[in-house]
Protein backbone atom coordinates (compact mmCIF):
# COMPACT_ATOMS: atom_id res chain seq x y z
CA MET A 1 117.01 192.92 77.84
CA VAL A 2 117.50 193.93 74.17
CA LEU A 3 115.00 196.75 74.60
CA LYS A 4 116.88 198.15 77.58
CA TRP A 5 120.14 198.06 75.70
CA LYS A 6 118.57 199.99 72.77
CA THR A 7 117.11 202.49 75.23
CA PHE A 8 120.63 203.02 76.69
CA LEU A 9 122.16 203.65 73.24
CA ILE A 10 119.40 206.19 72.38
CA CYS A 11 120.04 208.08 75.61
CA PHE A 12 123.80 208.08 75.10
CA PHE A 13 123.79 209.39 71.53
CA PHE A 14 120.77 211.70 71.56
CA VAL A 15 119.97 212.79 75.13
CA ILE A 16 123.43 213.28 76.65
CA PRO A 17 124.71 216.63 75.32
CA SER A 18 127.90 216.51 73.22
CA VAL A 19 130.98 218.50 74.10
CA HIS A 20 131.45 221.52 71.80
CA ALA A 21 134.61 223.42 71.09
CA THR A 22 135.26 226.67 72.94
CA GLU A 23 135.45 229.07 70.00
CA ILE A 24 137.48 232.19 70.66
CA LYS A 25 136.06 235.12 68.70
CA PHE A 26 139.08 236.44 66.83
CA ALA A 27 139.11 239.73 64.79
CA ILE A 28 141.63 240.51 62.08
CA LEU A 29 141.70 243.46 59.68
CA ALA A 30 143.37 241.51 56.90
CA PRO A 31 140.99 240.14 54.24
CA GLU A 32 140.34 236.49 53.42
CA GLY A 33 143.02 235.08 51.17
CA SER A 34 145.76 237.31 52.56
CA THR A 35 148.94 235.92 54.22
CA TRP A 36 147.62 236.99 57.68
CA ALA A 37 144.18 235.39 57.21
CA ASN A 38 145.57 232.18 55.77
CA ALA A 39 147.91 231.70 58.69
CA THR A 40 145.04 232.32 61.11
CA HIS A 41 142.96 229.55 59.49
CA GLU A 42 145.97 227.23 59.73
CA TRP A 43 146.38 228.08 63.39
CA ASP A 44 142.70 227.38 64.02
CA ALA A 45 142.93 223.96 62.45
CA GLU A 46 145.97 223.02 64.63
CA LEU A 47 144.22 224.35 67.69
CA ARG A 48 141.30 222.06 67.12
CA GLN A 49 143.51 219.14 66.36
CA LYS A 50 145.85 219.58 69.34
CA SER A 51 143.03 220.22 71.80
CA ASN A 52 140.97 217.18 70.52
CA GLY A 53 138.21 219.61 69.42
CA ARG A 54 138.00 221.58 72.72
CA LEU A 55 139.35 224.74 71.33
CA GLY A 56 139.16 226.81 68.09
CA LEU A 57 138.81 230.21 66.58
CA LYS A 58 135.77 231.94 65.17
CA ILE A 59 137.44 234.20 62.74
CA TYR A 60 136.16 237.67 61.80
CA SER A 61 138.41 238.90 58.95
CA GLY A 62 138.46 241.83 56.67
CA GLY A 63 137.57 244.42 59.33
CA VAL A 64 133.90 243.22 59.62
CA LEU A 65 134.11 244.12 63.35
CA GLY A 66 135.46 247.62 62.65
CA ASP A 67 138.74 249.30 62.83
CA GLU A 68 141.33 248.44 65.48
CA GLN A 69 139.95 250.99 67.90
CA ASP A 70 136.48 249.40 67.58
CA VAL A 71 137.98 245.91 68.19
CA ILE A 72 139.76 247.04 71.33
CA ARG A 73 136.51 248.40 72.68
CA LYS A 74 134.81 245.06 71.94
CA LEU A 75 137.67 243.16 73.56
CA ARG A 76 137.26 245.22 76.71
CA ILE A 77 133.55 244.49 77.03
CA GLY A 78 133.88 240.82 76.01
CA GLN A 79 132.23 240.86 72.63
CA VAL A 80 135.54 239.62 71.19
CA GLN A 81 138.10 237.54 72.97
CA ALA A 82 141.24 237.93 70.88
CA ALA A 83 142.60 239.83 67.81
CA ALA A 84 145.55 240.40 65.56
CA PHE A 85 146.70 244.04 65.57
CA THR A 86 149.09 246.31 63.77
CA GLY A 87 151.26 248.70 65.79
CA LEU A 88 148.49 251.22 66.05
CA GLY A 89 146.17 248.76 67.92
CA LEU A 90 149.06 247.47 70.11
CA GLY A 91 150.02 251.08 70.89
CA ILE A 92 146.57 252.07 72.12
CA ILE A 93 146.89 249.47 74.80
CA ASN A 94 150.64 249.70 75.39
CA PRO A 95 152.05 252.94 73.86
CA ASN A 96 155.68 251.97 74.55
CA VAL A 97 155.61 249.51 71.63
CA ARG A 98 155.46 252.34 69.11
CA VAL A 99 159.15 253.05 69.80
CA LEU A 100 159.82 250.17 67.28
CA GLU A 101 157.86 252.05 64.61
CA LEU A 102 159.68 255.38 64.61
CA PRO A 103 160.26 256.68 61.04
CA PHE A 104 163.58 255.68 59.45
CA LEU A 105 164.61 253.65 62.57
CA PHE A 106 165.57 250.37 60.87
CA GLU A 107 167.32 249.81 57.58
CA ASN A 108 166.82 246.10 57.22
CA TYR A 109 165.32 242.99 58.83
CA ARG A 110 168.56 241.97 60.51
CA GLU A 111 168.40 245.18 62.56
CA VAL A 112 164.77 244.58 63.30
CA ASP A 113 165.34 241.06 64.57
CA GLU A 114 168.40 242.00 66.69
CA VAL A 115 166.67 244.90 68.38
CA ALA A 116 163.31 243.06 68.73
CA ARG A 117 164.94 240.06 70.36
CA LYS A 118 166.30 242.26 73.13
CA ILE A 119 163.54 244.84 73.67
CA GLN A 120 160.23 242.97 72.94
CA PRO A 121 160.36 240.85 76.13
CA LYS A 122 160.69 244.03 78.10
CA LEU A 123 157.57 245.53 76.45
CA GLU A 124 155.21 242.63 77.05
CA GLY A 125 154.44 243.54 80.65
CA GLY A 126 152.66 246.67 79.38
CA PHE A 127 149.92 244.51 77.96
CA SER A 128 149.28 242.55 81.13
CA LYS A 129 149.01 245.75 83.13
CA ASN A 130 146.12 246.73 80.93
CA GLY A 131 144.21 243.45 80.94
CA PHE A 132 145.69 241.61 77.95
CA VAL A 133 148.14 238.82 77.17
CA LEU A 134 150.40 239.06 74.14
CA LEU A 135 150.27 235.60 72.51
CA GLY A 136 152.92 236.52 69.84
CA TRP A 137 154.65 239.26 67.95
CA THR A 138 154.03 239.69 64.23
CA GLU A 139 154.72 242.42 61.75
CA THR A 140 153.42 244.03 58.59
CA GLY A 141 156.87 244.95 57.40
CA PHE A 142 158.63 247.97 55.91
CA VAL A 143 156.30 250.77 54.80
CA ASN A 144 156.35 252.72 51.51
CA ILE A 145 154.25 255.55 50.17
CA PHE A 146 151.82 254.79 47.31
CA SER A 147 150.53 257.81 45.50
CA ASN A 148 148.90 259.26 42.35
CA LYS A 149 151.63 261.82 41.93
CA PRO A 150 155.32 260.94 41.90
CA ILE A 151 157.18 261.77 45.14
CA THR A 152 160.65 262.67 44.23
CA SER A 153 161.44 265.05 47.13
CA ARG A 154 160.17 266.43 50.35
CA LYS A 155 158.75 269.42 48.44
CA SER A 156 156.69 267.15 46.12
CA MET A 157 154.58 266.18 49.18
CA ASN A 158 153.41 269.71 49.60
CA GLY A 159 149.68 269.91 49.13
CA MET A 160 149.33 266.17 48.75
CA ARG A 161 146.22 264.74 50.37
CA MET A 162 147.71 261.92 52.28
CA TRP A 163 145.81 259.31 54.44
CA ALA A 164 146.59 259.20 58.14
CA TRP A 165 145.25 256.31 60.15
CA GLU A 166 142.65 257.94 62.47
CA GLY A 167 143.97 258.20 66.02
CA ASP A 168 147.62 257.54 65.09
CA ALA A 169 149.67 260.08 67.06
CA MET A 170 152.94 259.02 65.52
CA VAL A 171 151.77 259.61 61.97
CA GLU A 172 150.19 262.91 62.97
CA ASN A 173 153.55 264.01 64.29
CA LEU A 174 155.39 262.80 61.21
CA TYR A 175 153.06 264.73 58.92
CA ARG A 176 153.51 267.76 61.10
CA VAL A 177 157.27 267.78 60.66
CA PHE A 178 156.94 267.30 56.99
CA LYS A 179 154.20 269.91 56.78
CA ILE A 180 151.70 267.50 55.23
CA THR A 181 147.97 268.06 55.82
CA PRO A 182 146.63 264.63 56.85
CA VAL A 183 143.27 263.20 55.92
CA PRO A 184 142.33 261.07 58.93
CA LEU A 185 140.37 257.86 58.04
CA ALA A 186 139.64 254.48 59.47
CA LEU A 187 141.45 251.80 57.47
CA PRO A 188 138.26 250.25 56.00
CA ASP A 189 137.46 253.66 54.45
CA VAL A 190 140.77 254.09 52.62
CA LEU A 191 140.02 252.26 49.35
CA THR A 192 136.76 254.14 48.83
CA SER A 193 138.60 257.45 49.61
CA LEU A 194 141.18 256.60 46.87
CA GLN A 195 138.36 255.79 44.42
CA THR A 196 136.61 259.04 45.08
CA LYS A 197 139.85 261.01 45.07
CA LEU A 198 139.36 262.23 48.62
CA ILE A 199 142.99 261.21 49.09
CA ASP A 200 145.80 260.73 46.64
CA ALA A 201 148.44 258.99 48.76
CA VAL A 202 148.65 256.21 51.33
CA TYR A 203 151.35 254.40 53.20
CA ALA A 204 151.62 250.65 53.47
CA PRO A 205 153.91 247.63 53.08
CA PRO A 206 153.76 246.37 49.51
CA LEU A 207 151.90 243.27 50.50
CA GLY A 208 149.40 245.31 52.48
CA ALA A 209 148.74 247.59 49.46
CA VAL A 210 148.15 244.45 47.34
CA ALA A 211 145.91 242.66 49.98
CA LEU A 212 143.84 245.79 50.54
CA GLN A 213 143.70 246.53 46.79
CA TRP A 214 145.03 250.08 47.37
CA PHE A 215 147.55 249.47 44.55
CA THR A 216 144.60 249.39 42.03
CA ARG A 217 144.00 253.13 42.74
CA THR A 218 147.49 254.45 42.83
CA LYS A 219 150.20 254.94 40.13
CA TYR A 220 153.48 255.30 42.00
CA MET A 221 155.42 253.66 44.82
CA THR A 222 158.30 255.45 46.43
CA THR A 223 160.92 252.80 47.06
CA THR A 224 162.45 254.50 50.12
CA ASN A 225 161.16 252.76 53.31
CA ILE A 226 159.69 255.38 55.63
CA GLY A 227 159.38 253.02 58.59
CA TYR A 228 158.81 249.52 59.80
CA SER A 229 155.48 248.32 61.18
CA ILE A 230 155.03 245.81 64.00
CA GLY A 231 152.07 243.62 64.79
CA GLY A 232 150.86 241.21 67.49
CA ILE A 233 148.19 238.80 68.66
CA LEU A 234 146.40 239.71 71.90
CA ILE A 235 143.81 237.91 74.03
CA SER A 236 142.01 239.47 77.02
CA GLN A 237 143.15 238.08 80.37
CA ARG A 238 139.50 237.45 81.21
CA ALA A 239 139.04 235.24 78.14
CA LEU A 240 142.26 233.44 78.69
CA ALA A 241 141.28 232.64 82.31
CA THR A 242 138.15 230.74 81.17
CA LEU A 243 140.38 228.05 79.48
CA SER A 244 141.88 225.14 81.32
CA PRO A 245 145.60 225.19 82.01
CA THR A 246 146.15 222.65 79.31
CA ASP A 247 144.26 224.58 76.69
CA GLN A 248 145.94 227.79 77.76
CA GLN A 249 149.27 226.14 77.10
CA ILE A 250 148.12 224.85 73.68
CA LEU A 251 146.85 228.33 72.72
CA LYS A 252 150.11 230.05 73.81
CA GLU A 253 152.42 227.49 72.18
CA THR A 254 150.66 227.40 68.83
CA ALA A 255 150.12 231.17 68.71
CA LYS A 256 153.80 231.95 69.27
CA ARG A 257 154.77 229.49 66.49
CA TYR A 258 152.25 230.81 64.07
CA ALA A 259 153.16 234.39 64.79
CA ARG A 260 156.74 233.64 63.78
CA LYS A 261 155.51 231.78 60.69
CA VAL A 262 153.48 234.95 59.71
CA ILE A 263 156.65 237.02 59.97
CA GLU A 264 158.71 234.67 57.88
CA GLN A 265 155.99 234.27 55.24
CA LEU A 266 155.27 238.01 55.14
CA ARG A 267 158.89 238.77 54.32
CA VAL A 268 158.79 236.39 51.36
CA ASP A 269 155.38 237.64 50.18
CA ASN A 270 156.34 241.33 50.56
CA ASP A 271 159.23 240.70 48.18
CA LYS A 272 156.96 238.90 45.79
CA SER A 273 154.54 241.81 45.87
CA TYR A 274 157.04 244.00 43.92
CA ALA A 275 156.42 241.90 40.86
CA THR A 276 152.63 242.14 41.32
CA LEU A 277 152.88 245.99 41.55
CA LYS A 278 155.18 246.22 38.60
CA ASN A 279 152.97 243.95 36.44
CA ALA A 280 149.97 246.20 37.45
CA GLY A 281 151.74 249.12 35.96
CA LEU A 282 152.80 251.01 39.04
CA GLN A 283 156.02 253.12 38.58
CA PHE A 284 158.71 252.76 41.20
CA VAL A 285 160.13 256.16 42.22
CA GLU A 286 163.70 256.12 43.59
CA LEU A 287 164.87 259.18 45.49
CA ASP A 288 168.28 260.85 45.16
CA PRO A 289 170.57 259.76 48.07
CA GLN A 290 170.87 263.35 49.21
CA GLU A 291 167.13 263.66 49.26
CA ILE A 292 166.89 260.43 51.32
CA ASP A 293 169.27 261.91 53.80
CA GLN A 294 167.14 265.02 54.16
CA LEU A 295 164.01 262.90 54.61
CA LYS A 296 165.66 260.86 57.34
CA GLU A 297 166.95 263.88 59.20
CA THR A 298 163.55 265.53 59.17
CA GLY A 299 161.75 262.31 60.04
CA ARG A 300 163.94 261.67 63.04
CA GLN A 301 162.61 264.84 64.70
CA VAL A 302 159.58 262.58 65.55
CA TRP A 303 161.84 260.46 67.76
CA THR A 304 162.48 263.31 70.23
CA ASN A 305 159.00 264.89 69.76
CA LEU A 306 157.33 261.75 71.11
CA SER A 307 159.94 260.95 73.71
CA GLY A 308 158.36 261.44 77.10
CA LYS A 309 154.92 261.42 75.58
CA LEU A 310 154.39 258.12 73.71
CA TYR A 311 157.30 256.27 75.42
CA PRO A 312 159.97 257.08 78.10
CA PRO A 313 163.20 258.72 76.97
CA ALA A 314 165.12 255.88 78.58
CA LEU A 315 163.32 253.37 76.37
CA LEU A 316 164.25 255.27 73.19
CA ASP A 317 167.90 255.39 74.41
CA GLU A 318 167.85 251.60 75.00
CA VAL A 319 166.48 250.93 71.55
CA LYS A 320 169.06 253.17 69.92
CA GLY A 321 171.76 251.39 71.95
CA TYR A 322 170.71 247.98 70.69
CA LEU A 323 170.45 249.30 67.18
CA ALA A 324 174.01 250.62 67.38
CA GLU A 325 175.16 247.16 68.61
CA ALA A 326 173.42 245.45 65.69
CA ARG A 327 175.12 247.76 63.16
CA THR A 328 178.54 247.12 64.60
CA THR A 329 178.16 243.39 64.93
CA PRO A 330 179.13 241.31 61.89
């Protein structure tokens, strides 16, 4: 009898296969140690805890799976199941979202939040039509120019070799109206290109410039915000469908909460990044108010240039209407 009981225990622990977690392959361009990557690891830990070990993330950070265009291709063929994107990646799948990244659209985060609250739910259907589910909106924040020559006016950008994210129609149009010759590069190639002096200017939120180490190869930051950059977390519909309804709900609920946490933490960390940049010796360049007005007037030509191409004219009008409401509401 004792022998039979021992045989049962051996079979239970060593013969019967254990249940392993479903690991969602998750790509993120941000490097390890960054705000984005740290939040993703926290999200993974909570997923595993709330699902009793059934669900987790296998995180590929730092662009090891390629640029956002590469990740989208891998999502579509099933090599990756989910990813965090900037507006460029989101816009490849759902171009309408780029209306929120138009140059000189927003002046502060209050305007961002007021407009986003009203327009983002209307944009989410564009992802499902293309085989994806938006798990949460994030952001990278307000964008500045980092350069090795001081940018004090529109004319000072003439002849400057400025990075343009490869495949970004909005940036290409912006450079066209400012008569800047772009140097198209994938994001992982930017730091090397700064080091070799292939380019002498980039655009990024302050925290992004710190996380990607671009600030170590530039001398100046123009304090005028040229735009605001969105972000989001996507999963393929096919991958989501493989999860049980319970685990789908856990994934969606935790993703939405962590996406908001990323936004709140990023805003704090972006502000802190100014001290990091200043301590590193970067000089902050402030433009004359009249020069800022001229920059804004020129940059807003992009709004109409892309209307009817990247997004419907009615969508632009709706965003402008919500923005006007935000600016007149106390």
